[in-house]
Amino acid sequence: MITVECTSNNIEDVGSDDLKEFAFTQDPHGVLDVTRGGMYVVYGIRENKLGKFYLILTDTIHTSVPWWMPASLFRVANNALPASWGKYKWHGDYGGEVIQADPIYFDAQEDVEDGTLRGQQIFDVMRKRLES
C-alpha cells in the first residue's frame, strides 16, 4: 500500500497556475483540505501533462470517496505499489493520461469522483481490497 505524508496544504504550493484553478477543496485563505504532517493512503495515481496526482481521502470534505490531490504536496512514506493495481492509459482532457489503481476504478472513475451511490460502493470495494 502506498502512503504519503502531507508536506504542504497551501494552494500556492501546487505548482502551475493551471493547477490552482482546479476544484481542490480549500478555504478562503488557500488552505487545502489536508493536514500538514498528516498521513494518507493512496487509492490511485494519475499522471498527465499537468503533473502527478494522488487519489486520497481528505480531512473533512472528501471523506467517503477520495479526490485527486497534487503529488507536489506530499512526500512518499511507503511506495509499495499494490500488486492488484492495473494501469489505464487514455487521451483524457489533458492528453496522455495514465492512471494506476484497482482495475474496478477504471469503469467507475466519474462515479467515484462525483460521490454517487455506485461510486461509494466501488470505493468501498477498493478500500477493502487495499486493506486486506
Protein backbone atom coordinates (compact mmCIF):
# COMPACT_ATOMS: atom_id res chain seq x y z
CA MET A 1 0.00 0.00 0.00
CA ILE A 2 1.25 3.47 -0.83
CA THR A 3 1.10 6.09 1.90
CA VAL A 4 2.09 9.72 1.68
CA GLU A 5 2.75 12.45 4.21
CA CYS A 6 1.42 15.94 3.55
CA THR A 7 4.26 18.47 3.38
CA SER A 8 2.09 21.47 2.49
CA ASN A 9 -1.60 22.33 2.46
CA ASN A 10 -1.22 25.71 0.75
CA ILE A 11 -2.73 26.17 -2.73
CA GLU A 12 0.33 28.23 -3.67
CA ASP A 13 2.46 25.08 -3.43
CA VAL A 14 0.55 23.03 -6.02
CA GLY A 15 2.75 24.27 -8.83
CA SER A 16 1.48 25.89 -12.00
CA ASP A 17 -1.28 28.47 -12.16
CA ASP A 18 -3.29 25.97 -14.24
CA LEU A 19 -3.46 23.69 -11.20
CA LYS A 20 -4.62 26.46 -8.86
CA GLU A 21 -7.86 26.74 -10.85
CA PHE A 22 -8.92 23.15 -10.18
CA ALA A 23 -11.57 22.22 -7.65
CA PHE A 24 -9.19 21.41 -4.85
CA THR A 25 -11.04 21.81 -1.59
CA GLN A 26 -9.65 24.91 0.10
CA ASP A 27 -10.72 27.64 2.47
CA PRO A 28 -10.76 31.37 1.55
CA HIS A 29 -7.08 31.62 2.55
CA GLY A 30 -5.95 28.89 0.14
CA VAL A 31 -5.58 26.19 2.78
CA LEU A 32 -6.40 22.80 1.29
CA ASP A 33 -8.42 20.05 2.98
CA VAL A 34 -5.35 18.07 4.08
CA THR A 35 -3.21 18.44 7.19
CA ARG A 36 0.48 19.19 7.05
CA GLY A 37 2.22 16.19 8.62
CA GLY A 38 -0.88 14.02 8.10
CA MET A 39 -0.52 10.54 6.61
CA TYR A 40 -2.79 9.49 3.73
CA VAL A 41 -3.45 6.19 1.96
CA VAL A 42 -3.19 6.45 -1.83
CA TYR A 43 -6.01 4.77 -3.75
CA GLY A 44 -4.72 5.70 -7.18
CA ILE A 45 -2.03 7.62 -9.04
CA ARG A 46 -2.77 9.82 -12.07
CA GLU A 47 -0.21 11.44 -14.32
CA ASN A 48 -0.87 13.83 -17.19
CA LYS A 49 0.62 16.98 -18.68
CA LEU A 50 -0.36 18.92 -15.55
CA GLY A 51 1.63 16.62 -13.28
CA LYS A 52 1.15 13.77 -10.87
CA PHE A 53 -1.82 13.35 -8.52
CA TYR A 54 -2.74 11.02 -5.66
CA LEU A 55 -6.28 9.76 -5.07
CA ILE A 56 -6.80 10.22 -1.31
CA LEU A 57 -9.47 10.83 1.27
CA THR A 58 -9.24 14.42 2.50
CA ASP A 59 -9.83 15.56 6.07
CA THR A 60 -13.37 16.96 6.10
CA ILE A 61 -14.86 17.16 2.60
CA HIS A 62 -13.90 14.04 0.66
CA THR A 63 -14.25 11.55 3.49
CA SER A 64 -16.43 8.86 1.90
CA VAL A 65 -14.88 8.84 -1.58
CA PRO A 66 -11.38 10.05 -2.46
CA TRP A 67 -10.29 13.07 -4.50
CA TRP A 68 -7.26 13.73 -6.69
CA MET A 69 -4.66 15.92 -4.96
CA PRO A 70 -1.35 17.16 -6.42
CA ALA A 71 1.59 14.91 -5.54
CA SER A 72 3.71 18.05 -5.05
CA LEU A 73 2.00 18.48 -1.67
CA PHE A 74 3.19 15.12 -0.37
CA ARG A 75 6.25 13.06 0.48
CA VAL A 76 6.04 9.32 -0.18
CA ALA A 77 6.29 7.43 3.10
CA ASN A 78 5.69 3.94 1.66
CA ASN A 79 5.87 3.31 -2.08
CA ALA A 80 4.73 -0.33 -2.16
CA LEU A 81 2.58 -0.38 -5.29
CA PRO A 82 -0.25 -2.89 -4.77
CA ALA A 83 0.20 -5.96 -6.97
CA SER A 84 -3.53 -5.91 -7.81
CA TRP A 85 -3.40 -2.46 -9.39
CA GLY A 86 -3.65 -2.03 -13.12
CA LYS A 87 -2.58 0.73 -15.46
CA TYR A 88 -5.05 2.58 -17.68
CA LYS A 89 -3.89 4.88 -20.47
CA TRP A 90 -6.21 7.27 -22.26
CA HIS A 91 -6.20 10.60 -24.02
CA GLY A 92 -8.31 12.35 -21.38
CA ASP A 93 -8.81 16.09 -21.07
CA TYR A 94 -5.10 16.67 -20.55
CA GLY A 95 -3.65 14.26 -23.08
CA GLY A 96 -1.68 11.11 -22.45
CA GLU A 97 -3.15 10.34 -19.03
CA VAL A 98 -2.00 7.29 -17.13
CA ILE A 99 -3.93 6.10 -14.09
CA GLN A 100 -2.77 3.34 -11.77
CA ALA A 101 -5.41 1.95 -9.42
CA ASP A 102 -7.57 -1.03 -8.61
CA PRO A 103 -8.99 -2.12 -12.01
CA ILE A 104 -12.60 -1.64 -10.84
CA TYR A 105 -11.92 2.10 -10.64
CA PHE A 106 -11.38 2.45 -14.39
CA ASP A 107 -15.04 1.85 -15.29
CA ALA A 108 -16.32 3.93 -12.38
CA GLN A 109 -13.98 6.88 -12.08
CA GLU A 110 -16.67 9.51 -12.68
CA ASP A 111 -18.96 7.84 -10.15
CA VAL A 112 -16.20 7.75 -7.56
CA GLU A 113 -15.19 11.37 -8.20
CA ASP A 114 -18.83 12.53 -8.13
CA GLY A 115 -19.60 10.58 -4.98
CA THR A 116 -22.60 8.76 -6.43
CA LEU A 117 -24.02 5.72 -4.65
CA ARG A 118 -22.30 3.49 -7.22
CA GLY A 119 -19.07 5.42 -6.68
CA GLN A 120 -19.27 4.89 -2.93
CA GLN A 121 -19.89 1.19 -3.43
CA ILE A 122 -16.95 0.86 -5.83
CA PHE A 123 -14.69 2.78 -3.47
CA ASP A 124 -15.71 0.56 -0.54
CA VAL A 125 -14.53 -2.44 -2.57
CA MET A 126 -11.29 -0.64 -3.50
CA ARG A 127 -10.62 0.20 0.14
CA LYS A 128 -11.32 -3.34 1.38
CA ARG A 129 -9.07 -4.87 -1.27
CA LEU A 130 -6.26 -2.49 -0.42
CA GLU A 131 -6.54 -3.08 3.31
CA SER A 132 -6.63 -6.89 3.03
